Amino acid sequence: MLGQLPTTLDIHGKPYKIRSDYRNILRIFEAFADNEINDREKLLVCLKRLFVDFSKIPQEDYPAAYQAAYRFLACNTQEDGKPPIRTFNWIKDEQIIFPAVNKVAGMEVRSVPYMHWWTFLGYFESVDPDGLFGTVLSLRQKKARGKKLEKYEQEFWRNNKAIMALDFETAKPKTADEKLSDMFNDLLAEAGD
C-alpha cells in the first residue's frame, strides 16, 4: 500500500514479521563490516536479527528470505548487479552522520524509542550537501569516481585526513547475488551431509 512502511516481509507468499527499527539495521551493517565473521555467518546474523520468528522460516527458504531482507535493507531500490561505490562507513562516520541526520529530522533521532529504517534512510539521504557529512561524502564520491579535486577540496582533504579516510576491508565486496549463491550452496552442502 502506498505510503506504508513494511513491518513484514513476504517469503513465498507467507508474511514474516521483521524488526524494522533503524538501530537493528545498523547492527546488521556492523556485522557485514566485521572481518572476524565469515559471509555465511553474516547472512545468518542478518536473517536472525531481521526476522522476529526466524526459527519458523524453513531452511530451504533462507535464500528467498535473504533476497527479501536485501530488498528491505536497500529500501526496495534496484541495483544493476555491480557493487555500489562505497563512500561512507556507518561505524567510522557515526559521529558525523548523526548530527547531519538530526538536522534533517529536526530532532535527536537516537532519543526516539523507535524509527523505521526507511524513515531513517530518508533523513540520511536528505542530508545537507553543504554540511560536514555532505561535504565529506561529496569529496569521497568525487575521488572514488577518479575526478580531480579542486584546490580548496584538496586542502580540506589534507586538513581532515582522519575524517576523510575510509576503513573498509581490503577484499573486494561480494554482490548480493554472489552472497546469496554462496549461502545457497552452503545450505545444499549441509543438506547432503
Protein backbone atom coordinates (compact mmCIF):
# COMPACT_ATOMS: atom_id res chain seq x y z
CA MET A 1 0.00 0.00 0.00
CA LEU A 2 1.23 3.48 -0.87
CA GLY A 3 3.00 5.26 1.98
CA GLN A 4 3.09 2.25 4.30
CA LEU A 5 6.32 1.26 6.00
CA PRO A 6 6.75 -2.53 5.89
CA THR A 7 6.82 -4.42 9.17
CA THR A 8 6.63 -7.84 7.49
CA LEU A 9 8.44 -9.39 4.54
CA ASP A 10 6.86 -11.89 2.20
CA ILE A 11 8.65 -15.20 1.62
CA HIS A 12 6.92 -17.47 -0.87
CA GLY A 13 3.53 -15.92 -0.11
CA LYS A 14 3.87 -16.01 3.67
CA PRO A 15 4.42 -12.79 5.67
CA TYR A 16 7.09 -12.81 8.39
CA LYS A 17 7.36 -10.03 10.99
CA ILE A 18 10.59 -8.05 10.98
CA ARG A 19 12.46 -5.81 13.41
CA SER A 20 12.38 -2.63 11.34
CA ASP A 21 13.98 -0.13 13.75
CA TYR A 22 16.98 1.60 12.18
CA ARG A 23 19.25 0.63 15.11
CA ASN A 24 18.69 -3.04 14.35
CA ILE A 25 19.57 -2.48 10.69
CA LEU A 26 22.75 -0.63 11.63
CA ARG A 27 23.70 -3.66 13.77
CA ILE A 28 23.26 -5.83 10.68
CA PHE A 29 25.56 -3.50 8.73
CA GLU A 30 28.02 -3.68 11.61
CA ALA A 31 28.08 -7.47 11.23
CA PHE A 32 28.54 -7.14 7.45
CA ALA A 33 31.62 -4.97 8.10
CA ASP A 34 33.11 -7.36 10.67
CA ASN A 35 36.17 -9.13 9.25
CA GLU A 36 36.11 -11.65 12.10
CA ILE A 37 32.99 -13.46 10.86
CA ASN A 38 32.60 -15.25 7.54
CA ASP A 39 30.00 -14.46 4.87
CA ARG A 40 27.68 -17.30 5.89
CA GLU A 41 27.68 -16.09 9.49
CA LYS A 42 26.99 -12.53 8.29
CA LEU A 43 23.96 -13.71 6.36
CA LEU A 44 22.67 -15.65 9.35
CA VAL A 45 23.16 -12.60 11.59
CA CYS A 46 21.14 -10.57 9.07
CA LEU A 47 18.29 -13.08 8.97
CA LYS A 48 18.23 -13.72 12.72
CA ARG A 49 18.33 -10.02 13.59
CA LEU A 50 15.76 -9.01 10.99
CA PHE A 51 13.12 -11.73 11.24
CA VAL A 52 11.24 -11.88 14.55
CA ASP A 53 10.33 -15.56 14.01
CA PHE A 54 13.47 -16.63 12.17
CA SER A 55 13.19 -20.15 13.57
CA LYS A 56 9.86 -20.58 11.74
CA ILE A 57 11.40 -19.94 8.33
CA PRO A 58 12.09 -23.27 6.61
CA GLN A 59 15.79 -23.70 5.81
CA GLU A 60 15.03 -24.12 2.09
CA ASP A 61 13.51 -20.60 2.18
CA TYR A 62 16.70 -18.93 3.51
CA PRO A 63 17.76 -17.76 0.03
CA ALA A 64 14.35 -16.15 -0.55
CA ALA A 65 14.44 -14.69 2.97
CA TYR A 66 17.83 -13.12 2.28
CA GLN A 67 16.59 -11.70 -1.03
CA ALA A 68 13.62 -10.15 0.79
CA ALA A 69 15.92 -8.84 3.52
CA TYR A 70 18.33 -7.38 0.98
CA ARG A 71 15.49 -5.57 -0.83
CA PHE A 72 14.24 -4.22 2.51
CA LEU A 73 17.70 -3.01 3.55
CA ALA A 74 18.09 -1.31 0.16
CA CYS A 75 14.64 0.27 0.53
CA ASN A 76 13.37 -1.72 -2.48
CA THR A 77 15.74 0.05 -4.86
CA GLN A 78 17.07 -1.96 -7.76
CA GLU A 79 20.77 -2.39 -8.37
CA ASP A 80 22.47 -3.06 -11.67
CA GLY A 81 24.42 -6.04 -10.33
CA LYS A 82 27.56 -4.01 -9.62
CA PRO A 83 28.53 -3.30 -6.02
CA PRO A 84 27.94 0.38 -5.22
CA ILE A 85 30.86 2.73 -4.75
CA ARG A 86 31.39 2.79 -1.01
CA THR A 87 31.87 6.35 0.19
CA PHE A 88 30.90 6.08 3.83
CA ASN A 89 31.21 3.71 6.73
CA TRP A 90 28.32 3.58 9.20
CA ILE A 91 30.63 2.80 12.10
CA LYS A 92 33.56 5.09 11.38
CA ASP A 93 31.38 8.00 10.25
CA GLU A 94 28.81 7.71 13.05
CA GLN A 95 29.92 10.95 14.73
CA ILE A 96 29.34 12.99 11.56
CA ILE A 97 26.33 11.05 10.24
CA PHE A 98 24.05 11.50 13.25
CA PRO A 99 24.38 15.29 13.56
CA ALA A 100 23.58 15.56 9.83
CA VAL A 101 20.57 13.25 10.14
CA ASN A 102 19.40 15.07 13.29
CA LYS A 103 19.46 18.38 11.43
CA VAL A 104 17.26 16.98 8.65
CA ALA A 105 14.90 15.27 11.13
CA GLY A 106 14.71 18.31 13.38
CA MET A 107 15.30 16.12 16.43
CA GLU A 108 17.82 13.83 18.07
CA VAL A 109 16.95 10.59 16.27
CA ARG A 110 18.85 8.46 18.77
CA SER A 111 16.46 9.57 21.51
CA VAL A 112 13.28 8.25 19.89
CA PRO A 113 12.33 4.74 21.02
CA TYR A 114 11.54 3.54 17.50
CA MET A 115 12.22 4.81 13.99
CA HIS A 116 11.57 2.70 10.91
CA TRP A 117 14.67 2.01 8.81
CA TRP A 118 13.13 3.61 5.72
CA THR A 119 12.31 6.79 7.67
CA PHE A 120 15.88 6.98 8.95
CA LEU A 121 17.24 6.29 5.48
CA GLY A 122 15.03 9.05 4.06
CA TYR A 123 16.55 11.51 6.54
CA PHE A 124 20.03 10.18 5.74
CA GLU A 125 19.54 10.63 2.00
CA SER A 126 18.32 14.21 2.58
CA VAL A 127 21.45 15.35 4.41
CA ASP A 128 22.54 18.90 3.60
CA PRO A 129 25.27 18.66 0.94
CA ASP A 130 26.91 21.78 2.39
CA GLY A 131 27.19 20.37 5.92
CA LEU A 132 30.24 18.46 7.16
CA PHE A 133 28.98 14.97 6.30
CA GLY A 134 27.61 16.17 2.94
CA THR A 135 30.99 17.69 2.10
CA VAL A 136 32.88 14.57 3.18
CA LEU A 137 30.53 12.36 1.16
CA SER A 138 30.76 14.59 -1.91
CA LEU A 139 34.56 14.64 -1.89
CA ARG A 140 34.81 10.89 -1.32
CA GLN A 141 32.40 10.28 -4.22
CA LYS A 142 34.34 12.61 -6.48
CA LYS A 143 37.65 10.92 -5.65
CA ALA A 144 36.14 7.40 -5.98
CA ARG A 145 34.99 8.27 -9.50
CA GLY A 146 38.50 9.41 -10.39
CA LYS A 147 37.59 13.09 -10.68
CA LYS A 148 40.15 15.74 -9.85
CA LEU A 149 39.58 17.67 -6.64
CA GLU A 150 39.66 21.46 -6.76
CA LYS A 151 42.42 23.20 -4.76
CA TYR A 152 40.09 24.09 -1.89
CA GLU A 153 38.82 20.48 -1.85
CA GLN A 154 42.37 19.13 -1.77
CA GLU A 155 43.12 21.46 1.13
CA PHE A 156 40.01 20.26 3.00
CA TRP A 157 41.09 16.65 2.39
CA ARG A 158 44.64 17.31 3.66
CA ASN A 159 43.39 19.16 6.74
CA ASN A 160 40.88 16.44 7.62
CA LYS A 161 42.69 13.20 6.78
CA ALA A 162 41.26 11.32 9.77
CA ILE A 163 37.69 12.16 8.74
CA MET A 164 38.26 11.61 5.03
CA ALA A 165 39.92 8.19 5.33
CA LEU A 166 37.64 5.23 4.81
CA ASP A 167 38.20 2.00 6.72
CA PHE A 168 36.89 -0.93 4.72
CA GLU A 169 38.01 -4.50 4.47
CA THR A 170 40.59 -4.93 1.73
CA ALA A 171 38.79 -7.76 -0.05
CA LYS A 172 36.50 -6.83 -2.92
CA PRO A 173 32.94 -6.84 -1.56
CA LYS A 174 30.67 -9.51 -2.96
CA THR A 175 27.46 -8.59 -4.74
CA ALA A 176 24.14 -9.62 -3.21
CA ASP A 177 23.79 -12.33 -5.87
CA GLU A 178 27.25 -13.73 -5.04
CA LYS A 179 26.41 -13.80 -1.31
CA LEU A 180 23.06 -15.44 -1.98
CA SER A 181 24.66 -18.03 -4.26
CA ASP A 182 27.35 -18.83 -1.66
CA MET A 183 24.77 -19.18 1.09
CA PHE A 184 22.53 -21.39 -1.04
CA ASN A 185 25.49 -23.64 -1.93
CA ASP A 186 26.38 -23.91 1.77
CA LEU A 187 22.82 -24.92 2.60
CA LEU A 188 22.82 -27.56 -0.13
CA ALA A 189 26.15 -28.90 1.15
CA GLU A 190 24.74 -29.13 4.68
CA ALA A 191 21.67 -30.97 3.43
CA GLY A 192 23.95 -33.51 1.75
CA ASP A 193 25.94 -34.20 4.96
